[in-house]
C-alpha atoms as a PDB file:
ATOM      1  CA  MET A   1     -19.613  12.115 -18.398  1.00  0.00           C
ATOM      2  CA  LYS A   2     -19.366  13.619 -14.924  1.00  0.00           C
ATOM      3  CA  LYS A   3     -20.931  10.474 -13.431  1.00  0.00           C
ATOM      4  CA  LEU A   4     -18.285   8.319 -15.087  1.00  0.00           C
ATOM      5  CA  LEU A   5     -15.525  10.550 -13.765  1.00  0.00           C
ATOM      6  CA  ASP A   6     -17.052  10.396 -10.286  1.00  0.00           C
ATOM      7  CA  LEU A   7     -17.186   6.593 -10.483  1.00  0.00           C
ATOM      8  CA  LEU A   8     -13.531   6.594 -11.533  1.00  0.00           C
ATOM      9  CA  ARG A   9     -12.679   8.855  -8.595  1.00  0.00           C
ATOM     10  CA  LEU A  10     -14.528   6.449  -6.310  1.00  0.00           C
ATOM     11  CA  MET A  11     -12.255   3.652  -7.568  1.00  0.00           C
ATOM     12  CA  ARG A  12      -9.148   5.716  -6.667  1.00  0.00           C
ATOM     13  CA  PRO A  13      -6.940   4.469  -9.529  1.00  0.00           C
ATOM     14  CA  HIS A  14      -4.010   6.548  -8.221  1.00  0.00           C
ATOM     15  CA  GLN A  15      -3.878   4.088  -5.316  1.00  0.00           C
ATOM     16  CA  TRP A  16      -3.112   1.219  -7.680  1.00  0.00           C
ATOM     17  CA  VAL A  17       0.570   2.066  -7.340  1.00  0.00           C
ATOM     18  CA  LYS A  18       0.407   0.186  -4.008  1.00  0.00           C
ATOM     19  CA  ASN A  19      -0.304  -3.014  -5.925  1.00  0.00           C
ATOM     20  CA  THR A  20       3.139  -2.865  -7.548  1.00  0.00           C
ATOM     21  CA  PHE A  21       4.232  -4.889  -4.488  1.00  0.00           C
ATOM     22  CA  VAL A  22       2.947  -7.828  -6.548  1.00  0.00           C
ATOM     23  CA  PHE A  23       5.987  -7.418  -8.842  1.00  0.00           C
ATOM     24  CA  VAL A  24       8.574  -7.751  -6.059  1.00  0.00           C
ATOM     25  CA  GLY A  25       8.966 -11.472  -6.695  1.00  0.00           C
ATOM     26  CA  LEU A  26       9.589 -10.989 -10.429  1.00  0.00           C
ATOM     27  CA  LEU A  27      12.289  -8.394  -9.802  1.00  0.00           C
ATOM     28  CA  PHE A  28      14.159  -9.956  -6.892  1.00  0.00           C
ATOM     29  CA  GLY A  29      13.501 -13.561  -7.866  1.00  0.00           C
ATOM     30  CA  HIS A  30      15.085 -13.128 -11.334  1.00  0.00           C
ATOM     31  CA  ALA A  31      11.887 -14.448 -12.905  1.00  0.00           C
ATOM     32  CA  TRP A  32      11.244 -11.712 -15.492  1.00  0.00           C
ATOM     33  CA  HIS A  33      12.600 -13.915 -18.303  1.00  0.00           C
ATOM     34  CA  ASP A  34       9.732 -16.402 -17.875  1.00  0.00           C
ATOM     35  CA  SER A  35       6.872 -15.042 -19.993  1.00  0.00           C
ATOM     36  CA  SER A  36       4.346 -17.358 -18.352  1.00  0.00           C
ATOM     37  CA  LEU A  37       5.241 -16.118 -14.865  1.00  0.00           C
ATOM     38  CA  VAL A  38       5.145 -12.503 -16.057  1.00  0.00           C
ATOM     39  CA  ALA A  39       1.660 -13.036 -17.510  1.00  0.00           C
ATOM     40  CA  HIS A  40       0.371 -14.597 -14.284  1.00  0.00           C
ATOM     41  CA  VAL A  41       1.839 -11.800 -12.157  1.00  0.00           C
ATOM     42  CA  LEU A  42       0.218  -9.213 -14.441  1.00  0.00           C
ATOM     43  CA  LEU A  43      -3.126 -10.960 -13.950  1.00  0.00           C
ATOM     44  CA  ALA A  44      -2.575 -10.888 -10.185  1.00  0.00           C
ATOM     45  CA  PHE A  45      -1.705  -7.190 -10.362  1.00  0.00           C
ATOM     46  CA  VAL A  46      -4.880  -6.274 -12.260  1.00  0.00           C
ATOM     47  CA  ALA A  47      -6.936  -8.476  -9.910  1.00  0.00           C
ATOM     48  CA  PHE A  48      -5.568  -6.623  -6.886  1.00  0.00           C
ATOM     49  CA  CYS A  49      -6.181  -3.253  -8.555  1.00  0.00           C
ATOM     50  CA  LEU A  50      -9.841  -4.091  -9.144  1.00  0.00           C
ATOM     51  CA  MET A  51     -10.330  -5.642  -5.705  1.00  0.00           C
ATOM     52  CA  SER A  52      -8.647  -2.711  -3.947  1.00  0.00           C
ATOM     53  CA  SER A  53     -10.979  -0.351  -5.810  1.00  0.00           C
ATOM     54  CA  ALA A  54     -13.953  -2.447  -4.681  1.00  0.00           C
ATOM     55  CA  ILE A  55     -12.688  -2.262  -1.090  1.00  0.00           C
ATOM     56  CA  TYR A  56     -12.159   1.510  -1.335  1.00  0.00           C
ATOM     57  CA  THR A  57     -15.736   1.840  -2.575  1.00  0.00           C
ATOM     58  CA  ILE A  58     -17.082  -0.267   0.298  1.00  0.00           C
ATOM     59  CA  ASN A  59     -14.967   1.698   2.768  1.00  0.00           C
ATOM     60  CA  ASP A  60     -16.356   4.991   1.461  1.00  0.00           C
ATOM     61  CA  MET A  61     -19.881   3.597   1.829  1.00  0.00           C
ATOM     62  CA  VAL A  62     -19.190   2.687   5.461  1.00  0.00           C
ATOM     63  CA  ASP A  63     -17.400   5.966   6.240  1.00  0.00           C
ATOM     64  CA  VAL A  64     -19.656   8.358   4.343  1.00  0.00           C
ATOM     65  CA  GLU A  65     -20.842  10.209   7.459  1.00  0.00           C
ATOM     66  CA  GLN A  66     -17.361  10.471   8.986  1.00  0.00           C
ATOM     67  CA  ASP A  67     -15.894  11.672   5.697  1.00  0.00           C
ATOM     68  CA  ARG A  68     -18.304  14.594   5.698  1.00  0.00           C
ATOM     69  CA  HIS A  69     -16.467  15.900   8.788  1.00  0.00           C
ATOM     70  CA  HIS A  70     -13.060  15.722   7.072  1.00  0.00           C
ATOM     71  CA  PRO A  71     -11.684  18.883   5.382  1.00  0.00           C
ATOM     72  CA  LYS A  72     -10.638  16.978   2.229  1.00  0.00           C
ATOM     73  CA  LYS A  73     -12.573  13.699   2.221  1.00  0.00           C
ATOM     74  CA  CYS A  74     -15.880  15.569   2.287  1.00  0.00           C
ATOM     75  CA  LYS A  75     -15.308  16.176  -1.433  1.00  0.00           C
ATOM     76  CA  ARG A  76     -15.296  12.456  -2.276  1.00  0.00           C
ATOM     77  CA  PRO A  77     -18.138  11.293  -4.576  1.00  0.00           C
ATOM     78  CA  LEU A  78     -20.202   9.551  -1.872  1.00  0.00           C
ATOM     79  CA  ALA A  79     -19.598  12.119   0.872  1.00  0.00           C
ATOM     80  CA  SER A  80     -20.482  14.978  -1.483  1.00  0.00           C
ATOM     81  CA  GLY A  81     -23.577  13.183  -2.784  1.00  0.00           C
ATOM     82  CA  SER A  82     -22.519  13.072  -6.443  1.00  0.00           C
ATOM     83  CA  ILE A  83     -22.742   9.239  -6.432  1.00  0.00           C
ATOM     84  CA  SER A  84     -25.607   7.311  -4.821  1.00  0.00           C
ATOM     85  CA  MET A  85     -25.105   4.421  -2.423  1.00  0.00           C
ATOM     86  CA  ALA A  86     -26.877   2.070  -4.850  1.00  0.00           C
ATOM     87  CA  ALA A  87     -24.525   2.983  -7.707  1.00  0.00           C
ATOM     88  CA  ALA A  88     -21.516   2.535  -5.411  1.00  0.00           C
ATOM     89  CA  ALA A  89     -22.742  -0.916  -4.324  1.00  0.00           C
ATOM     90  CA  MET A  90     -23.188  -2.019  -7.943  1.00  0.00           C
ATOM     91  CA  LEU A  91     -19.719  -0.757  -8.832  1.00  0.00           C
ATOM     92  CA  ALA A  92     -18.135  -2.615  -5.894  1.00  0.00           C
ATOM     93  CA  ALA A  93     -19.875  -5.872  -6.846  1.00  0.00           C
ATOM     94  CA  LEU A  94     -18.788  -5.597 -10.494  1.00  0.00           C
ATOM     95  CA  LEU A  95     -15.176  -4.817  -9.580  1.00  0.00           C
ATOM     96  CA  ALA A  96     -15.022  -7.694  -7.093  1.00  0.00           C
ATOM     97  CA  ALA A  97     -16.452 -10.201  -9.583  1.00  0.00           C
ATOM     98  CA  CYS A  98     -13.972  -9.229 -12.308  1.00  0.00           C
ATOM     99  CA  SER A  99     -11.141  -9.315  -9.780  1.00  0.00           C
ATOM    100  CA  LEU A 100     -11.957 -12.845  -8.615  1.00  0.00           C
ATOM    101  CA  ALA A 101     -12.173 -14.087 -12.207  1.00  0.00           C
ATOM    102  CA  LEU A 102      -8.725 -12.686 -13.036  1.00  0.00           C
ATOM    103  CA  ALA A 103      -7.237 -14.102  -9.829  1.00  0.00           C
ATOM    104  CA  PHE A 104      -8.586 -17.564 -10.674  1.00  0.00           C
ATOM    105  CA  ALA A 105      -7.021 -17.247 -14.141  1.00  0.00           C
ATOM    106  CA  ALA A 106      -3.665 -16.514 -12.476  1.00  0.00           C
ATOM    107  CA  SER A 107      -3.785 -19.462 -10.043  1.00  0.00           C
ATOM    108  CA  LYS A 108      -5.832 -20.956  -7.246  1.00  0.00           C
ATOM    109  CA  ILE A 109      -3.306 -19.664  -4.713  1.00  0.00           C
ATOM    110  CA  VAL A 110      -3.654 -16.108  -6.037  1.00  0.00           C
ATOM    111  CA  LEU A 111      -7.426 -16.486  -5.732  1.00  0.00           C
ATOM    112  CA  PHE A 112      -7.079 -17.701  -2.135  1.00  0.00           C
ATOM    113  CA  VAL A 113      -4.751 -14.817  -1.242  1.00  0.00           C
ATOM    114  CA  LEU A 114      -7.069 -12.298  -2.901  1.00  0.00           C
ATOM    115  CA  VAL A 115     -10.115 -13.631  -1.037  1.00  0.00           C
ATOM    116  CA  ALA A 116      -8.155 -13.409   2.241  1.00  0.00           C
ATOM    117  CA  TYR A 117      -7.192  -9.823   1.328  1.00  0.00           C
ATOM    118  CA  ALA A 118     -10.819  -8.921   0.577  1.00  0.00           C
ATOM    119  CA  LEU A 119     -12.267 -10.494   3.733  1.00  0.00           C
ATOM    120  CA  MET A 120      -9.602  -8.902   5.918  1.00  0.00           C
ATOM    121  CA  ASN A 121     -10.245  -5.465   4.446  1.00  0.00           C
ATOM    122  CA  ILE A 122     -14.008  -5.792   4.771  1.00  0.00           C
ATOM    123  CA  ALA A 123     -13.498  -6.697   8.443  1.00  0.00           C
ATOM    124  CA  TYR A 124     -11.189  -3.696   8.696  1.00  0.00           C
ATOM    125  CA  SER A 125     -13.797  -1.362   7.189  1.00  0.00           C
ATOM    126  CA  LEU A 126     -16.603  -2.649   9.408  1.00  0.00           C
ATOM    127  CA  ARG A 127     -14.837  -3.068  12.743  1.00  0.00           C
ATOM    128  CA  LEU A 128     -11.071  -3.569  12.986  1.00  0.00           C
ATOM    129  CA  LYS A 129     -10.092  -0.066  11.871  1.00  0.00           C
ATOM    130  CA  HIS A 130     -11.258   1.090  15.302  1.00  0.00           C
ATOM    131  CA  VAL A 131      -8.696  -1.097  17.131  1.00  0.00           C
ATOM    132  CA  VAL A 132      -5.559   0.899  17.933  1.00  0.00           C
ATOM    133  CA  ILE A 133      -2.270  -0.463  16.479  1.00  0.00           C
ATOM    134  CA  LEU A 134      -4.055  -3.514  15.040  1.00  0.00           C
ATOM    135  CA  ASP A 135      -5.492  -1.189  12.389  1.00  0.00           C
ATOM    136  CA  ILE A 136      -1.983  -0.439  11.109  1.00  0.00           C
ATOM    137  CA  PHE A 137      -0.928  -4.095  11.180  1.00  0.00           C
ATOM    138  CA  ILE A 138      -3.943  -4.993   9.054  1.00  0.00           C
ATOM    139  CA  ILE A 139      -2.929  -2.390   6.477  1.00  0.00           C
ATOM    140  CA  ALA A 140       0.604  -3.833   6.497  1.00  0.00           C
ATOM    141  CA  THR A 141      -0.755  -7.372   6.126  1.00  0.00           C
ATOM    142  CA  GLY A 142      -2.525  -6.256   2.958  1.00  0.00           C
ATOM    143  CA  PHE A 143       0.841  -5.434   1.419  1.00  0.00           C
ATOM    144  CA  MET A 144       2.288  -8.740   2.597  1.00  0.00           C
ATOM    145  CA  LEU A 145      -0.542 -10.541   0.832  1.00  0.00           C
ATOM    146  CA  ARG A 146       0.273  -8.647  -2.368  1.00  0.00           C
ATOM    147  CA  ILE A 147       3.874  -9.847  -2.151  1.00  0.00           C
ATOM    148  CA  LEU A 148       2.748 -13.431  -1.495  1.00  0.00           C
ATOM    149  CA  ALA A 149       0.366 -13.316  -4.467  1.00  0.00           C
ATOM    150  CA  GLY A 150       3.266 -12.320  -6.712  1.00  0.00           C
ATOM    151  CA  THR A 151       5.604 -14.965  -5.269  1.00  0.00           C
ATOM    152  CA  LEU A 152       3.925 -18.062  -3.797  1.00  0.00           C
ATOM    153  CA  GLY A 153       0.885 -17.449  -5.960  1.00  0.00           C
ATOM    154  CA  VAL A 154       2.846 -17.960  -9.175  1.00  0.00           C
ATOM    155  CA  GLY A 155       5.534 -20.371  -7.948  1.00  0.00           C
ATOM    156  CA  ILE A 156       8.321 -17.931  -6.990  1.00  0.00           C
ATOM    157  CA  PRO A 157       9.897 -18.665  -3.566  1.00  0.00           C
ATOM    158  CA  PRO A 158       9.506 -15.517  -1.416  1.00  0.00           C
ATOM    159  CA  SER A 159      12.537 -14.036   0.311  1.00  0.00           C
ATOM    160  CA  GLN A 160      12.123 -13.796   4.080  1.00  0.00           C
ATOM    161  CA  TRP A 161      14.246 -10.649   4.104  1.00  0.00           C
ATOM    162  CA  LEU A 162      12.057  -8.977   1.500  1.00  0.00           C
ATOM    163  CA  LEU A 163       8.948  -9.914   3.469  1.00  0.00           C
ATOM    164  CA  LEU A 164      10.499  -8.285   6.531  1.00  0.00           C
ATOM    165  CA  CYS A 165      11.416  -5.179   4.518  1.00  0.00           C
ATOM    166  CA  GLY A 166       7.882  -5.041   3.156  1.00  0.00           C
ATOM    167  CA  LEU A 167       6.434  -5.310   6.664  1.00  0.00           C
ATOM    168  CA  MET A 168       8.642  -2.493   7.951  1.00  0.00           C
ATOM    169  CA  VAL A 169       7.929  -0.107   5.083  1.00  0.00           C
ATOM    170  CA  THR A 170       4.184  -0.645   5.311  1.00  0.00           C
ATOM    171  CA  LEU A 171       4.113  -0.211   9.094  1.00  0.00           C
ATOM    172  CA  PHE A 172       6.150   2.975   8.641  1.00  0.00           C
ATOM    173  CA  LEU A 173       3.690   4.307   6.046  1.00  0.00           C
ATOM    174  CA  GLY A 174       0.720   3.289   8.191  1.00  0.00           C
ATOM    175  CA  PHE A 175       1.933   5.166  11.266  1.00  0.00           C
ATOM    176  CA  THR A 176       2.840   8.242   9.200  1.00  0.00           C
ATOM    177  CA  LYS A 177      -0.673   8.169   7.729  1.00  0.00           C
ATOM    178  CA  ARG A 178      -2.208   8.266  11.208  1.00  0.00           C
ATOM    179  CA  ARG A 179       0.190  11.084  12.169  1.00  0.00           C
ATOM    180  CA  ALA A 180      -0.878  13.071   9.109  1.00  0.00           C
ATOM    181  CA  GLU A 181      -4.554  12.558   9.964  1.00  0.00           C
ATOM    182  CA  ILE A 182      -4.020  13.932  13.443  1.00  0.00           C
ATOM    183  CA  ILE A 183      -2.240  16.969  12.007  1.00  0.00           C
ATOM    184  CA  ALA A 184      -5.038  17.585   9.484  1.00  0.00           C
ATOM    185  CA  LEU A 185      -7.879  17.343  12.016  1.00  0.00           C
ATOM    186  CA  ASN A 186      -8.333  19.427  15.114  1.00  0.00           C
ATOM    187  CA  GLU A 187      -9.096  17.928  18.509  1.00  0.00           C
ATOM    188  CA  ASP A 188     -12.853  18.410  18.178  1.00  0.00           C
ATOM    189  CA  ASN A 189     -13.443  16.495  14.974  1.00  0.00           C
ATOM    190  CA  LYS A 190     -10.621  13.955  14.791  1.00  0.00           C
ATOM    191  CA  ALA A 191     -12.674  11.291  16.605  1.00  0.00           C
ATOM    192  CA  ALA A 192     -15.737  12.128  14.536  1.00  0.00           C
ATOM    193  CA  HIS A 193     -13.774  11.316  11.390  1.00  0.00           C
ATOM    194  CA  ARG A 194     -11.877   8.251  12.650  1.00  0.00           C
ATOM    195  CA  LYS A 195     -12.644   6.861  16.092  1.00  0.00           C
ATOM    196  CA  VAL A 196      -9.263   5.173  16.503  1.00  0.00           C
ATOM    197  CA  LEU A 197      -7.510   8.558  16.421  1.00  0.00           C
ATOM    198  CA  GLU A 198      -8.701   9.061  19.997  1.00  0.00           C
ATOM    199  CA  HIS A 199      -6.137   6.452  21.054  1.00  0.00           C
ATOM    200  CA  TYR A 200      -3.197   7.899  19.114  1.00  0.00           C
ATOM    201  CA  SER A 201      -1.114  10.933  19.994  1.00  0.00           C
ATOM    202  CA  PRO A 202       1.647  12.713  18.050  1.00  0.00           C
ATOM    203  CA  VAL A 203       4.271  11.637  20.595  1.00  0.00           C
ATOM    204  CA  LEU A 204       3.215   7.972  20.479  1.00  0.00           C
ATOM    205  CA  LEU A 205       3.127   7.928  16.682  1.00  0.00           C
ATOM    206  CA  ASP A 206       6.502   9.672  16.395  1.00  0.00           C
ATOM    207  CA  LYS A 207       8.047   6.896  18.495  1.00  0.00           C
ATOM    208  CA  MET A 208       6.463   4.195  16.347  1.00  0.00           C
ATOM    209  CA  ILE A 209       7.545   5.978  13.174  1.00  0.00           C
ATOM    210  CA  GLY A 210      11.109   6.137  14.499  1.00  0.00           C
ATOM    211  CA  VAL A 211      11.153   2.419  15.348  1.00  0.00           C
ATOM    212  CA  THR A 212       9.748   1.321  11.983  1.00  0.00           C
ATOM    213  CA  ALA A 213      11.975   3.717  10.025  1.00  0.00           C
ATOM    214  CA  ALA A 214      15.053   2.250  11.736  1.00  0.00           C
ATOM    215  CA  GLY A 215      13.727  -1.267  11.186  1.00  0.00           C
ATOM    216  CA  LEU A 216      13.159  -0.566   7.501  1.00  0.00           C
ATOM    217  CA  ILE A 217      16.667   0.781   6.927  1.00  0.00           C
ATOM    218  CA  MET A 218      18.324  -2.014   8.903  1.00  0.00           C
ATOM    219  CA  SER A 219      16.307  -4.852   7.357  1.00  0.00           C
ATOM    220  CA  TYR A 220      16.960  -3.612   3.822  1.00  0.00           C
ATOM    221  CA  SER A 221      20.660  -3.127   4.590  1.00  0.00           C
ATOM    222  CA  LEU A 222      20.939  -6.654   5.975  1.00  0.00           C
ATOM    223  CA  TYR A 223      19.075  -8.003   2.946  1.00  0.00           C
ATOM    224  CA  THR A 224      21.632  -6.464   0.573  1.00  0.00           C
ATOM    225  CA  MET A 225      24.489  -8.094   2.525  1.00  0.00           C
ATOM    226  CA  ASN A 226      22.844 -11.487   2.988  1.00  0.00           C
ATOM    227  CA  PRO A 227      24.874 -14.326   1.391  1.00  0.00           C
ATOM    228  CA  ASP A 228      21.761 -15.717  -0.331  1.00  0.00           C
ATOM    229  CA  THR A 229      21.048 -12.292  -1.847  1.00  0.00           C
ATOM    230  CA  ILE A 230      24.608 -12.012  -3.138  1.00  0.00           C
ATOM    231  CA  ARG A 231      24.413 -15.532  -4.565  1.00  0.00           C
ATOM    232  CA  ILE A 232      21.048 -15.033  -6.284  1.00  0.00           C
ATOM    233  CA  HIS A 233      21.903 -11.669  -7.815  1.00  0.00           C
ATOM    234  CA  GLY A 234      25.583 -12.351  -8.415  1.00  0.00           C
ATOM    235  CA  THR A 235      26.701  -9.092  -6.822  1.00  0.00           C
ATOM    236  CA  ALA A 236      27.600  -7.742  -3.405  1.00  0.00           C
ATOM    237  CA  ASN A 237      27.043  -4.158  -4.535  1.00  0.00           C
ATOM    238  CA  LEU A 238      23.359  -3.811  -3.649  1.00  0.00           C
ATOM    239  CA  ILE A 239      24.589  -2.253  -0.412  1.00  0.00           C
ATOM    240  CA  TYR A 240      25.196   0.911  -2.462  1.00  0.00           C
ATOM    241  CA  THR A 241      21.432   1.296  -2.957  1.00  0.00           C
ATOM    242  CA  VAL A 242      20.899   1.752   0.792  1.00  0.00           C
ATOM    243  CA  PRO A 243      21.477   5.569   0.680  1.00  0.00           C
ATOM    244  CA  PHE A 244      18.462   5.864  -1.657  1.00  0.00           C
ATOM    245  CA  VAL A 245      16.298   4.104   0.937  1.00  0.00           C
ATOM    246  CA  MET A 246      17.647   6.230   3.778  1.00  0.00           C
ATOM    247  CA  TYR A 247      17.106   9.475   1.897  1.00  0.00           C
ATOM    248  CA  GLY A 248      13.572   8.444   0.934  1.00  0.00           C
ATOM    249  CA  VAL A 249      12.669   7.635   4.554  1.00  0.00           C
ATOM    250  CA  PHE A 250      14.097  10.906   5.880  1.00  0.00           C
ATOM    251  CA  ARG A 251      12.450  12.921   3.108  1.00  0.00           C
ATOM    252  CA  TYR A 252       9.082  11.335   3.885  1.00  0.00           C
ATOM    253  CA  ILE A 253       9.411  12.221   7.572  1.00  0.00           C
ATOM    254  CA  TYR A 254      10.298  15.788   6.559  1.00  0.00           C
ATOM    255  CA  LEU A 255       7.198  16.022   4.352  1.00  0.00           C
ATOM    256  CA  LEU A 256       5.091  14.705   7.225  1.00  0.00           C
ATOM    257  CA  HIS A 257       6.263  17.364   9.677  1.00  0.00           C
ATOM    258  CA  HIS A 258       6.843  20.383   7.433  1.00  0.00           C
ATOM    259  CA  GLN A 259       4.791  19.943   4.249  1.00  0.00           C
ATOM    260  CA  ARG A 260       1.608  18.291   5.613  1.00  0.00           C
ATOM    261  CA  GLY A 261       2.462  15.113   3.712  1.00  0.00           C
ATOM    262  CA  GLY A 262       2.082  11.487   4.739  1.00  0.00           C
ATOM    263  CA  GLY A 263      -1.701  11.284   4.427  1.00  0.00           C
ATOM    264  CA  ASP A 264      -1.655   9.775   0.941  1.00  0.00           C
ATOM    265  CA  THR A 265       1.499   7.905  -0.042  1.00  0.00           C
ATOM    266  CA  SER A 266       0.510   7.582  -3.695  1.00  0.00           C
ATOM    267  CA  HIS A 267      -0.056  11.322  -3.949  1.00  0.00           C
ATOM    268  CA  ASP A 268       3.203  12.158  -2.174  1.00  0.00           C
ATOM    269  CA  LEU A 269       5.183   9.878  -4.485  1.00  0.00           C
ATOM    270  CA  VAL A 270       4.037  11.677  -7.631  1.00  0.00           C
ATOM    271  CA  ARG A 271       4.155  15.282  -6.403  1.00  0.00           C
ATOM    272  CA  ASP A 272       7.471  15.483  -4.538  1.00  0.00           C
ATOM    273  CA  ILE A 273      10.476  15.745  -6.865  1.00  0.00           C
ATOM    274  CA  HIS A 274      12.815  14.358  -4.213  1.00  0.00           C
ATOM    275  CA  LEU A 275      10.771  11.185  -3.694  1.00  0.00           C
ATOM    276  CA  ILE A 276      10.411  10.760  -7.455  1.00  0.00           C
ATOM    277  CA  GLY A 277      14.181  11.070  -7.815  1.00  0.00           C
ATOM    278  CA  VAL A 278      14.806   8.588  -5.005  1.00  0.00           C
ATOM    279  CA  VAL A 279      12.447   5.967  -6.456  1.00  0.00           C
ATOM    280  CA  VAL A 280      13.831   6.367  -9.989  1.00  0.00           C
ATOM    281  CA  GLY A 281      17.421   6.371  -8.733  1.00  0.00           C
ATOM    282  CA  TRP A 282      16.920   3.316  -6.525  1.00  0.00           C
ATOM    283  CA  LEU A 283      15.164   1.393  -9.307  1.00  0.00           C
ATOM    284  CA  ALA A 284      17.777   2.328 -11.926  1.00  0.00           C
ATOM    285  CA  ALA A 285      20.675   1.386  -9.627  1.00  0.00           C
ATOM    286  CA  THR A 286      19.027  -1.888  -8.580  1.00  0.00           C
ATOM    287  CA  LEU A 287      18.266  -2.927 -12.158  1.00  0.00           C
ATOM    288  CA  TRP A 288      21.774  -2.001 -13.284  1.00  0.00           C
ATOM    289  CA  LEU A 289      23.293  -4.163 -10.543  1.00  0.00           C
ATOM    290  CA  ILE A 290      21.109  -7.267 -10.846  1.00  0.00           C
ATOM    291  CA  LEU A 291      20.422  -7.463 -14.573  1.00  0.00           C
END
């Protein structure tokens, strides 16, 4: 039983919340009434969940020695020795195979996007995560591919404004993650855990966080006022959801600097009552306005 729980921990199912980006097209493309599209997007969502778990497993295999130097990651199944490398490799292969089969069932485009996502993340795990700034853009690209799988992959035209908003929010979260890692690790072992941290500094990351936070708020605000958005949704009142976005961004920055947050977005979203309230409030207001 413990082995199964350790394998589940290795898959990091709490990170699957990131794959909800696949549903952006259904929500903002007014496509939720088409049962066929909904079914294909659900297949794409599950495919990304399984593939992301396979990638997390591969990443833990690559980073096992570095994780042993981290105050929290040393407790992960591979770093702690509770799961063998052979078992992890078998799990990753099984997850990837099931993921590809589901993606093919969704559409050939979803399969292509998923393969691109997998190859990019494998390259990230093996080499590109050591390249300063590019490492964050690769993480952001992964979210863009999720959005494209849930739009182009199933025949929903993607909104350029939503793609820009998605890029800004993921860059923001990527830079805050690096900032949190620097806070968590002292100067002696930060490079031992993640080599790229040698090239980042708190001051540099704070500037990048400020730029992307402003870009996120402005791009979302402009999206709500865009004539095409008003035409598609039949309302000009989405502008009133902007305060939710602003509060969420400012709260996240507060957690980063005063509550040692920012290292794990999925964890922060489910443990902070303010972020939970913001997400629920934004979603409720958005659905009320566009439905």
